[in-house]
């Protein structure tokens, strides 16, 4: 805060509103330098109705999906799903 010439705010401007505006600008610049605003992404609330068993099943599902995408088995899964649905419709 010592690098801001606060006396210039008082000596340059005659109007009180101009002095206040200049002070506000200088002060916000100092705050931005020494205490910048940090943004972060907050995680969502935990769902109380999801049990640990459900979480483990979801983790298995996600791992299987990732494995299918890596090995290009995803198309085989979709084809099998379509065939199953068609059989169920018949």
N, C-alpha and C. Protein backbone atom coordinates (compact mmCIF):
# COMPACT_ATOMS: atom_id res chain seq x y z
N UNK A 1 0.81 -1.18 0.00
CA UNK A 1 0.00 0.00 0.00
C UNK A 1 0.86 1.25 0.00
N UNK A 2 2.13 1.08 0.26
CA UNK A 2 2.99 2.25 0.31
C UNK A 2 3.35 2.75 -1.09
N UNK A 3 3.19 1.90 -2.12
CA UNK A 3 3.54 2.35 -3.46
C UNK A 3 2.44 3.22 -4.09
N UNK A 4 1.28 3.30 -3.48
CA UNK A 4 0.21 4.17 -3.98
C UNK A 4 0.39 5.55 -3.36
N UNK A 5 0.37 6.55 -4.20
CA UNK A 5 0.51 7.92 -3.71
C UNK A 5 -0.86 8.46 -3.31
N UNK A 6 -1.17 8.26 -2.04
CA UNK A 6 -2.49 8.65 -1.57
C UNK A 6 -2.65 10.17 -1.56
N UNK A 7 -1.56 10.88 -1.45
CA UNK A 7 -1.65 12.34 -1.42
C UNK A 7 -2.12 12.89 -2.77
N UNK A 8 -1.84 12.17 -3.86
CA UNK A 8 -2.30 12.64 -5.17
C UNK A 8 -3.82 12.63 -5.25
N UNK A 9 -4.45 11.71 -4.57
CA UNK A 9 -5.91 11.66 -4.57
C UNK A 9 -6.46 12.94 -3.95
N UNK A 10 -5.83 13.40 -2.89
CA UNK A 10 -6.30 14.60 -2.22
C UNK A 10 -5.96 15.87 -2.99
N UNK A 11 -4.79 15.90 -3.61
CA UNK A 11 -4.35 17.15 -4.24
C UNK A 11 -4.88 17.35 -5.66
N UNK A 12 -5.10 16.30 -6.42
CA UNK A 12 -5.50 16.44 -7.82
C UNK A 12 -6.99 16.77 -7.93
N UNK A 13 -7.81 16.09 -7.16
CA UNK A 13 -9.26 16.24 -7.31
C UNK A 13 -9.81 17.21 -6.28
N UNK A 14 -10.77 18.03 -6.75
CA UNK A 14 -11.43 18.97 -5.85
C UNK A 14 -12.77 18.42 -5.36
N UNK A 15 -13.45 17.72 -6.23
CA UNK A 15 -14.77 17.20 -5.91
C UNK A 15 -14.63 15.96 -5.02
N UNK A 16 -15.48 15.88 -4.02
CA UNK A 16 -15.43 14.76 -3.08
C UNK A 16 -15.75 13.44 -3.77
N UNK A 17 -16.70 13.44 -4.71
CA UNK A 17 -17.04 12.22 -5.44
C UNK A 17 -15.86 11.72 -6.27
N UNK A 18 -15.12 12.64 -6.90
CA UNK A 18 -13.95 12.25 -7.67
C UNK A 18 -12.85 11.67 -6.78
N UNK A 19 -12.67 12.27 -5.60
CA UNK A 19 -11.69 11.75 -4.64
C UNK A 19 -12.07 10.34 -4.19
N UNK A 20 -13.36 10.16 -3.92
CA UNK A 20 -13.82 8.85 -3.48
C UNK A 20 -13.65 7.81 -4.59
N UNK A 21 -13.96 8.20 -5.82
CA UNK A 21 -13.81 7.27 -6.95
C UNK A 21 -12.34 6.89 -7.14
N UNK A 22 -11.42 7.88 -7.07
CA UNK A 22 -10.00 7.61 -7.23
C UNK A 22 -9.49 6.72 -6.10
N UNK A 23 -9.91 7.01 -4.86
CA UNK A 23 -9.51 6.19 -3.73
C UNK A 23 -9.99 4.75 -3.92
N UNK A 24 -11.24 4.61 -4.36
CA UNK A 24 -11.81 3.29 -4.58
C UNK A 24 -11.02 2.53 -5.64
N UNK A 25 -10.66 3.18 -6.72
CA UNK A 25 -9.88 2.53 -7.78
C UNK A 25 -8.51 2.10 -7.28
N UNK A 26 -7.82 3.02 -6.59
CA UNK A 26 -6.49 2.68 -6.06
C UNK A 26 -6.57 1.54 -5.05
N UNK A 27 -7.56 1.62 -4.17
CA UNK A 27 -7.69 0.61 -3.12
C UNK A 27 -8.02 -0.75 -3.72
N UNK A 28 -8.90 -0.79 -4.71
CA UNK A 28 -9.22 -2.06 -5.36
C UNK A 28 -8.02 -2.63 -6.10
N UNK A 29 -7.19 -1.78 -6.70
CA UNK A 29 -5.96 -2.25 -7.34
C UNK A 29 -5.03 -2.90 -6.33
N UNK A 30 -4.90 -2.28 -5.16
CA UNK A 30 -4.05 -2.83 -4.11
C UNK A 30 -4.61 -4.18 -3.64
N UNK A 31 -5.92 -4.24 -3.45
CA UNK A 31 -6.54 -5.50 -3.02
C UNK A 31 -6.36 -6.60 -4.06
N UNK A 32 -6.49 -6.26 -5.34
CA UNK A 32 -6.32 -7.25 -6.40
C UNK A 32 -4.88 -7.78 -6.44
N UNK A 33 -3.92 -6.92 -6.11
CA UNK A 33 -2.52 -7.36 -6.11
C UNK A 33 -2.19 -8.26 -4.92
N UNK A 34 -2.68 -7.89 -3.74
CA UNK A 34 -2.27 -8.60 -2.54
C UNK A 34 -3.27 -9.66 -2.07
N UNK A 35 -4.51 -9.54 -2.47
CA UNK A 35 -5.53 -10.51 -2.07
C UNK A 35 -6.49 -10.74 -3.23
N UNK A 36 -6.01 -11.41 -4.28
CA UNK A 36 -6.89 -11.60 -5.45
C UNK A 36 -8.05 -12.53 -5.13
N UNK A 37 -9.11 -12.36 -5.86
CA UNK A 37 -10.29 -13.22 -5.69
C UNK A 37 -10.00 -14.55 -6.37
N UNK A 38 -10.17 -15.62 -5.64
CA UNK A 38 -9.93 -16.95 -6.20
C UNK A 38 -11.27 -17.62 -6.42
N UNK A 39 -11.43 -18.21 -7.58
CA UNK A 39 -12.66 -18.92 -7.88
C UNK A 39 -12.38 -20.42 -7.86
N UNK A 40 -13.39 -21.18 -7.51
CA UNK A 40 -13.26 -22.63 -7.50
C UNK A 40 -14.62 -23.23 -7.78
N UNK A 41 -14.61 -24.45 -8.24
CA UNK A 41 -15.85 -25.15 -8.52
C UNK A 41 -16.20 -25.99 -7.31
N UNK A 42 -17.34 -25.73 -6.79
CA UNK A 42 -17.79 -26.44 -5.61
C UNK A 42 -18.44 -27.76 -6.03
N UNK A 43 -18.12 -28.80 -5.31
CA UNK A 43 -18.76 -30.07 -5.59
C UNK A 43 -20.19 -30.04 -5.06
N UNK A 44 -21.02 -30.81 -5.70
CA UNK A 44 -22.42 -30.86 -5.30
C UNK A 44 -22.62 -31.52 -3.96
N UNK A 45 -23.80 -31.37 -3.46
CA UNK A 45 -24.13 -31.99 -2.17
C UNK A 45 -24.16 -33.50 -2.33
N UNK A 46 -23.82 -34.20 -1.28
CA UNK A 46 -23.91 -35.65 -1.33
C UNK A 46 -25.38 -36.06 -1.24
N UNK A 47 -25.71 -37.12 -1.93
CA UNK A 47 -27.08 -37.62 -1.91
C UNK A 47 -27.22 -38.63 -0.78
N UNK A 48 -28.07 -38.37 0.17
CA UNK A 48 -28.18 -39.29 1.31
C UNK A 48 -28.82 -40.63 0.95
N UNK A 49 -29.55 -40.69 -0.18
CA UNK A 49 -30.22 -41.92 -0.53
C UNK A 49 -29.33 -42.88 -1.31
N UNK A 50 -28.13 -42.46 -1.68
CA UNK A 50 -27.20 -43.36 -2.37
C UNK A 50 -26.38 -44.08 -1.31
N UNK A 51 -26.53 -45.38 -1.28
CA UNK A 51 -25.85 -46.21 -0.29
C UNK A 51 -24.44 -46.53 -0.76
N UNK A 52 -23.57 -46.98 0.14
CA UNK A 52 -22.22 -47.39 -0.27
C UNK A 52 -22.25 -48.51 -1.31
N UNK A 53 -23.24 -49.40 -1.22
CA UNK A 53 -23.35 -50.47 -2.21
C UNK A 53 -23.64 -49.89 -3.59
N UNK A 54 -24.53 -48.90 -3.63
CA UNK A 54 -24.84 -48.26 -4.92
C UNK A 54 -23.61 -47.54 -5.47
N UNK A 55 -22.84 -46.90 -4.59
CA UNK A 55 -21.63 -46.21 -5.05
C UNK A 55 -20.62 -47.19 -5.64
N UNK A 56 -20.48 -48.34 -5.02
CA UNK A 56 -19.53 -49.32 -5.55
C UNK A 56 -20.02 -49.86 -6.89
N UNK A 57 -21.33 -50.07 -7.03
CA UNK A 57 -21.87 -50.52 -8.31
C UNK A 57 -21.68 -49.45 -9.40
N UNK A 58 -21.84 -48.20 -9.02
CA UNK A 58 -21.63 -47.11 -9.98
C UNK A 58 -20.17 -47.05 -10.41
N UNK A 59 -19.27 -47.29 -9.47
CA UNK A 59 -17.84 -47.29 -9.79
C UNK A 59 -17.50 -48.43 -10.75
N UNK A 60 -18.07 -49.61 -10.50
CA UNK A 60 -17.86 -50.75 -11.40
C UNK A 60 -18.39 -50.42 -12.79
N UNK A 61 -19.58 -49.84 -12.84
CA UNK A 61 -20.17 -49.46 -14.12
C UNK A 61 -19.26 -48.50 -14.89
N UNK A 62 -18.75 -47.49 -14.19
CA UNK A 62 -17.89 -46.51 -14.84
C UNK A 62 -16.59 -47.14 -15.33
N UNK A 63 -16.03 -48.05 -14.54
CA UNK A 63 -14.80 -48.73 -14.96
C UNK A 63 -15.05 -49.60 -16.18
N UNK A 64 -16.18 -50.31 -16.20
CA UNK A 64 -16.51 -51.15 -17.35
C UNK A 64 -16.72 -50.30 -18.61
N UNK A 65 -17.37 -49.16 -18.46
CA UNK A 65 -17.59 -48.28 -19.59
C UNK A 65 -16.26 -47.74 -20.12
N UNK A 66 -15.36 -47.35 -19.22
CA UNK A 66 -14.05 -46.85 -19.64
C UNK A 66 -13.26 -47.94 -20.36
N UNK A 67 -13.34 -49.17 -19.84
CA UNK A 67 -12.64 -50.29 -20.47
C UNK A 67 -13.22 -50.56 -21.86
N UNK A 68 -14.54 -50.48 -21.99
CA UNK A 68 -15.18 -50.71 -23.29
C UNK A 68 -14.77 -49.63 -24.29
N UNK A 69 -14.64 -48.42 -23.83
CA UNK A 69 -14.24 -47.34 -24.75
C UNK A 69 -12.78 -47.50 -25.18
N UNK A 70 -11.95 -47.96 -24.28
CA UNK A 70 -10.53 -48.15 -24.63
C UNK A 70 -10.35 -49.27 -25.64
N UNK A 71 -11.15 -50.30 -25.53
CA UNK A 71 -10.96 -51.48 -26.39
C UNK A 71 -11.94 -51.51 -27.56
N UNK A 72 -12.68 -50.43 -27.78
CA UNK A 72 -13.66 -50.33 -28.86
C UNK A 72 -14.74 -51.40 -28.76
N UNK A 73 -15.00 -51.90 -27.59
CA UNK A 73 -16.09 -52.86 -27.39
C UNK A 73 -17.42 -52.15 -27.22
N UNK A 74 -17.39 -50.83 -27.21
CA UNK A 74 -18.61 -50.08 -27.00
C UNK A 74 -19.62 -50.34 -28.11
N UNK A 75 -19.13 -50.43 -29.34
CA UNK A 75 -20.05 -50.69 -30.46
C UNK A 75 -20.66 -52.08 -30.35
N UNK A 76 -19.86 -53.03 -29.90
CA UNK A 76 -20.40 -54.38 -29.72
C UNK A 76 -21.48 -54.39 -28.65
N UNK A 77 -21.29 -53.61 -27.62
CA UNK A 77 -22.29 -53.52 -26.56
C UNK A 77 -23.57 -52.89 -27.10
N UNK A 78 -23.44 -51.82 -27.90
CA UNK A 78 -24.62 -51.17 -28.45
C UNK A 78 -25.37 -52.11 -29.40
N UNK A 79 -24.64 -52.85 -30.20
CA UNK A 79 -25.28 -53.79 -31.12
C UNK A 79 -26.01 -54.87 -30.33
N UNK A 80 -25.38 -55.36 -29.28
CA UNK A 80 -26.03 -56.38 -28.43
C UNK A 80 -27.27 -55.81 -27.77
N UNK A 81 -27.22 -54.56 -27.34
CA UNK A 81 -28.38 -53.93 -26.73
C UNK A 81 -29.52 -53.80 -27.75
N UNK A 82 -29.19 -53.36 -28.97
CA UNK A 82 -30.22 -53.22 -30.00
C UNK A 82 -30.85 -54.56 -30.33
N UNK A 83 -30.04 -55.60 -30.43
CA UNK A 83 -30.58 -56.93 -30.72
C UNK A 83 -31.49 -57.41 -29.58
N UNK A 84 -31.07 -57.15 -28.35
CA UNK A 84 -31.88 -57.54 -27.20
C UNK A 84 -33.23 -56.83 -27.21
N UNK A 85 -33.21 -55.51 -27.48
CA UNK A 85 -34.44 -54.74 -27.52
C UNK A 85 -35.36 -55.24 -28.63
N UNK A 86 -34.77 -55.52 -29.78
CA UNK A 86 -35.58 -56.02 -30.90
C UNK A 86 -36.23 -57.37 -30.56
N UNK A 87 -35.49 -58.24 -29.89
CA UNK A 87 -36.05 -59.53 -29.48
C UNK A 87 -37.18 -59.34 -28.47
N UNK A 88 -37.01 -58.37 -27.57
CA UNK A 88 -38.05 -58.13 -26.56
C UNK A 88 -39.31 -57.56 -27.21
N UNK A 89 -39.14 -56.77 -28.25
CA UNK A 89 -40.30 -56.18 -28.94
C UNK A 89 -41.08 -57.30 -29.66
N UNK A 90 -40.36 -58.23 -30.28
CA UNK A 90 -41.00 -59.33 -30.99
C UNK A 90 -41.72 -60.21 -29.99
